[in-house]
Amino acid sequence: MNNNKKEIELANELTHNVNDALNRKIEERFRAALFLADPSLNMDTVIVISNVENDNELTVDGVDDDTIDKAMVIFEAEQ
Protein backbone atom coordinates (compact mmCIF):
# COMPACT_ATOMS: atom_id res chain seq x y z
CA MET A 1 0.00 0.00 0.00
CA ASN A 2 2.85 2.39 0.85
CA ASN A 3 4.53 1.74 -2.52
CA ASN A 4 1.29 2.52 -4.31
CA LYS A 5 1.06 5.88 -2.50
CA LYS A 6 4.64 6.70 -3.47
CA GLU A 7 3.96 5.75 -7.08
CA ILE A 8 0.91 8.03 -7.16
CA GLU A 9 2.91 10.89 -5.64
CA LEU A 10 5.69 10.36 -8.17
CA ALA A 11 3.18 10.25 -11.04
CA ASN A 12 1.55 13.47 -9.81
CA GLU A 13 4.94 15.18 -9.53
CA LEU A 14 5.91 14.04 -13.01
CA THR A 15 2.58 15.28 -14.42
CA HIS A 16 3.08 18.63 -12.71
CA ASN A 17 6.62 18.93 -14.11
CA VAL A 18 5.46 18.07 -17.64
CA ASN A 19 2.61 20.59 -17.41
CA ASP A 20 5.01 23.28 -16.18
CA ALA A 21 7.32 22.60 -19.12
CA LEU A 22 4.38 22.76 -21.55
CA ASN A 23 3.19 26.00 -19.99
CA ARG A 24 6.63 27.61 -20.38
CA LYS A 25 6.88 26.45 -24.00
CA ILE A 26 3.43 27.81 -24.87
CA GLU A 27 4.18 31.11 -23.12
CA GLU A 28 7.47 31.52 -25.00
CA ARG A 29 5.86 30.68 -28.34
CA PHE A 30 2.96 33.05 -27.76
CA ARG A 31 5.29 35.87 -26.71
CA ALA A 32 7.21 35.31 -29.95
CA ALA A 33 3.94 35.39 -31.92
CA LEU A 34 2.97 38.64 -30.20
CA PHE A 35 6.30 40.16 -31.17
CA LEU A 36 5.79 39.06 -34.78
CA ALA A 37 2.28 40.54 -34.76
CA ASP A 38 3.60 43.87 -33.42
CA PRO A 39 7.38 44.33 -33.23
CA SER A 40 6.91 47.67 -31.48
CA LEU A 41 5.41 46.00 -28.37
CA ASN A 42 7.18 46.65 -25.11
CA MET A 43 7.48 43.01 -24.10
CA ASP A 44 8.45 44.03 -20.54
CA THR A 45 4.84 45.05 -19.94
CA VAL A 46 3.25 41.98 -21.57
CA ILE A 47 2.04 39.13 -19.37
CA VAL A 48 1.40 35.69 -20.85
CA ILE A 49 0.25 32.85 -18.59
CA SER A 50 -0.54 29.37 -19.84
CA ASN A 51 -2.42 26.75 -17.84
CA VAL A 52 -2.65 23.44 -19.69
CA GLU A 53 -4.27 21.82 -16.66
CA ASN A 54 -7.25 24.16 -16.99
CA ASP A 55 -8.43 23.31 -20.50
CA ASN A 56 -5.36 24.90 -22.12
CA GLU A 57 -6.22 28.32 -20.70
CA LEU A 58 -4.10 31.21 -21.99
CA THR A 59 -4.17 34.60 -20.26
CA VAL A 60 -2.63 37.63 -21.98
CA ASP A 61 -2.44 41.11 -20.47
CA GLY A 62 -0.84 44.36 -21.56
CA VAL A 63 -1.80 43.91 -25.22
CA ASP A 64 -4.84 45.03 -27.19
CA ASP A 65 -7.31 42.45 -28.46
CA ASP A 66 -6.48 43.02 -32.14
CA THR A 67 -2.80 42.20 -31.54
CA ILE A 68 -3.76 39.14 -29.51
CA ASP A 69 -5.97 37.94 -32.38
CA LYS A 70 -3.14 38.43 -34.90
CA ALA A 71 -0.71 36.63 -32.59
CA MET A 72 -3.15 33.73 -32.18
CA VAL A 73 -3.28 33.26 -35.95
CA ILE A 74 0.55 33.17 -36.04
CA PHE A 75 0.69 30.87 -33.00
CA GLU A 76 -1.80 28.39 -34.45
CA ALA A 77 -0.09 28.40 -37.86
CA GLU A 78 3.18 27.27 -36.23
CA GLN A 79 1.67 24.11 -34.73
C-alpha atoms as a PDB file:
ATOM      1  CA  MET A   1       0.000   0.000   0.000  1.00  0.00           C
ATOM      2  CA  ASN A   2       2.850   2.392   0.847  1.00  0.00           C
ATOM      3  CA  ASN A   3       4.534   1.737  -2.520  1.00  0.00           C
ATOM      4  CA  ASN A   4       1.285   2.524  -4.313  1.00  0.00           C
ATOM      5  CA  LYS A   5       1.056   5.884  -2.501  1.00  0.00           C
ATOM      6  CA  LYS A   6       4.644   6.703  -3.467  1.00  0.00           C
ATOM      7  CA  GLU A   7       3.957   5.754  -7.085  1.00  0.00           C
ATOM      8  CA  ILE A   8       0.910   8.026  -7.157  1.00  0.00           C
ATOM      9  CA  GLU A   9       2.911  10.888  -5.637  1.00  0.00           C
ATOM     10  CA  LEU A  10       5.687  10.355  -8.175  1.00  0.00           C
ATOM     11  CA  ALA A  11       3.185  10.252 -11.044  1.00  0.00           C
ATOM     12  CA  ASN A  12       1.554  13.467  -9.809  1.00  0.00           C
ATOM     13  CA  GLU A  13       4.944  15.178  -9.527  1.00  0.00           C
ATOM     14  CA  LEU A  14       5.906  14.038 -13.009  1.00  0.00           C
ATOM     15  CA  THR A  15       2.584  15.276 -14.421  1.00  0.00           C
ATOM     16  CA  HIS A  16       3.084  18.633 -12.706  1.00  0.00           C
ATOM     17  CA  ASN A  17       6.619  18.934 -14.114  1.00  0.00           C
ATOM     18  CA  VAL A  18       5.463  18.071 -17.636  1.00  0.00           C
ATOM     19  CA  ASN A  19       2.608  20.590 -17.409  1.00  0.00           C
ATOM     20  CA  ASP A  20       5.010  23.284 -16.180  1.00  0.00           C
ATOM     21  CA  ALA A  21       7.321  22.602 -19.125  1.00  0.00           C
ATOM     22  CA  LEU A  22       4.382  22.761 -21.553  1.00  0.00           C
ATOM     23  CA  ASN A  23       3.185  26.001 -19.992  1.00  0.00           C
ATOM     24  CA  ARG A  24       6.633  27.609 -20.377  1.00  0.00           C
ATOM     25  CA  LYS A  25       6.883  26.449 -23.997  1.00  0.00           C
ATOM     26  CA  ILE A  26       3.434  27.812 -24.866  1.00  0.00           C
ATOM     27  CA  GLU A  27       4.181  31.105 -23.121  1.00  0.00           C
ATOM     28  CA  GLU A  28       7.466  31.521 -24.996  1.00  0.00           C
ATOM     29  CA  ARG A  29       5.861  30.678 -28.343  1.00  0.00           C
ATOM     30  CA  PHE A  30       2.961  33.050 -27.764  1.00  0.00           C
ATOM     31  CA  ARG A  31       5.293  35.867 -26.709  1.00  0.00           C
ATOM     32  CA  ALA A  32       7.206  35.308 -29.954  1.00  0.00           C
ATOM     33  CA  ALA A  33       3.940  35.394 -31.918  1.00  0.00           C
ATOM     34  CA  LEU A  34       2.967  38.639 -30.198  1.00  0.00           C
ATOM     35  CA  PHE A  35       6.301  40.158 -31.171  1.00  0.00           C
ATOM     36  CA  LEU A  36       5.789  39.065 -34.784  1.00  0.00           C
ATOM     37  CA  ALA A  37       2.282  40.539 -34.761  1.00  0.00           C
ATOM     38  CA  ASP A  38       3.598  43.866 -33.415  1.00  0.00           C
ATOM     39  CA  PRO A  39       7.385  44.330 -33.232  1.00  0.00           C
ATOM     40  CA  SER A  40       6.906  47.669 -31.482  1.00  0.00           C
ATOM     41  CA  LEU A  41       5.413  45.997 -28.375  1.00  0.00           C
ATOM     42  CA  ASN A  42       7.182  46.654 -25.112  1.00  0.00           C
ATOM     43  CA  MET A  43       7.476  43.008 -24.100  1.00  0.00           C
ATOM     44  CA  ASP A  44       8.451  44.029 -20.544  1.00  0.00           C
ATOM     45  CA  THR A  45       4.837  45.054 -19.937  1.00  0.00           C
ATOM     46  CA  VAL A  46       3.254  41.980 -21.566  1.00  0.00           C
ATOM     47  CA  ILE A  47       2.035  39.131 -19.365  1.00  0.00           C
ATOM     48  CA  VAL A  48       1.397  35.686 -20.847  1.00  0.00           C
ATOM     49  CA  ILE A  49       0.250  32.853 -18.592  1.00  0.00           C
ATOM     50  CA  SER A  50      -0.539  29.366 -19.843  1.00  0.00           C
ATOM     51  CA  ASN A  51      -2.418  26.752 -17.840  1.00  0.00           C
ATOM     52  CA  VAL A  52      -2.648  23.444 -19.691  1.00  0.00           C
ATOM     53  CA  GLU A  53      -4.272  21.823 -16.656  1.00  0.00           C
ATOM     54  CA  ASN A  54      -7.254  24.164 -16.991  1.00  0.00           C
ATOM     55  CA  ASP A  55      -8.435  23.310 -20.500  1.00  0.00           C
ATOM     56  CA  ASN A  56      -5.361  24.901 -22.121  1.00  0.00           C
ATOM     57  CA  GLU A  57      -6.224  28.317 -20.703  1.00  0.00           C
ATOM     58  CA  LEU A  58      -4.097  31.212 -21.990  1.00  0.00           C
ATOM     59  CA  THR A  59      -4.168  34.602 -20.265  1.00  0.00           C
ATOM     60  CA  VAL A  60      -2.632  37.629 -21.983  1.00  0.00           C
ATOM     61  CA  ASP A  61      -2.442  41.111 -20.474  1.00  0.00           C
ATOM     62  CA  GLY A  62      -0.841  44.355 -21.558  1.00  0.00           C
ATOM     63  CA  VAL A  63      -1.803  43.906 -25.219  1.00  0.00           C
ATOM     64  CA  ASP A  64      -4.841  45.030 -27.194  1.00  0.00           C
ATOM     65  CA  ASP A  65      -7.314  42.447 -28.464  1.00  0.00           C
ATOM     66  CA  ASP A  66      -6.476  43.016 -32.144  1.00  0.00           C
ATOM     67  CA  THR A  67      -2.804  42.205 -31.537  1.00  0.00           C
ATOM     68  CA  ILE A  68      -3.756  39.136 -29.514  1.00  0.00           C
ATOM     69  CA  ASP A  69      -5.968  37.937 -32.378  1.00  0.00           C
ATOM     70  CA  LYS A  70      -3.138  38.429 -34.895  1.00  0.00           C
ATOM     71  CA  ALA A  71      -0.713  36.627 -32.595  1.00  0.00           C
ATOM     72  CA  MET A  72      -3.146  33.729 -32.177  1.00  0.00           C
ATOM     73  CA  VAL A  73      -3.276  33.261 -35.954  1.00  0.00           C
ATOM     74  CA  ILE A  74       0.548  33.168 -36.042  1.00  0.00           C
ATOM     75  CA  PHE A  75       0.694  30.868 -33.004  1.00  0.00           C
ATOM     76  CA  GLU A  76      -1.799  28.390 -34.447  1.00  0.00           C
ATOM     77  CA  ALA A  77      -0.088  28.398 -37.859  1.00  0.00           C
ATOM     78  CA  GLU A  78       3.176  27.274 -36.229  1.00  0.00           C
ATOM     79  CA  GLN A  79       1.672  24.107 -34.730  1.00  0.00           C
END
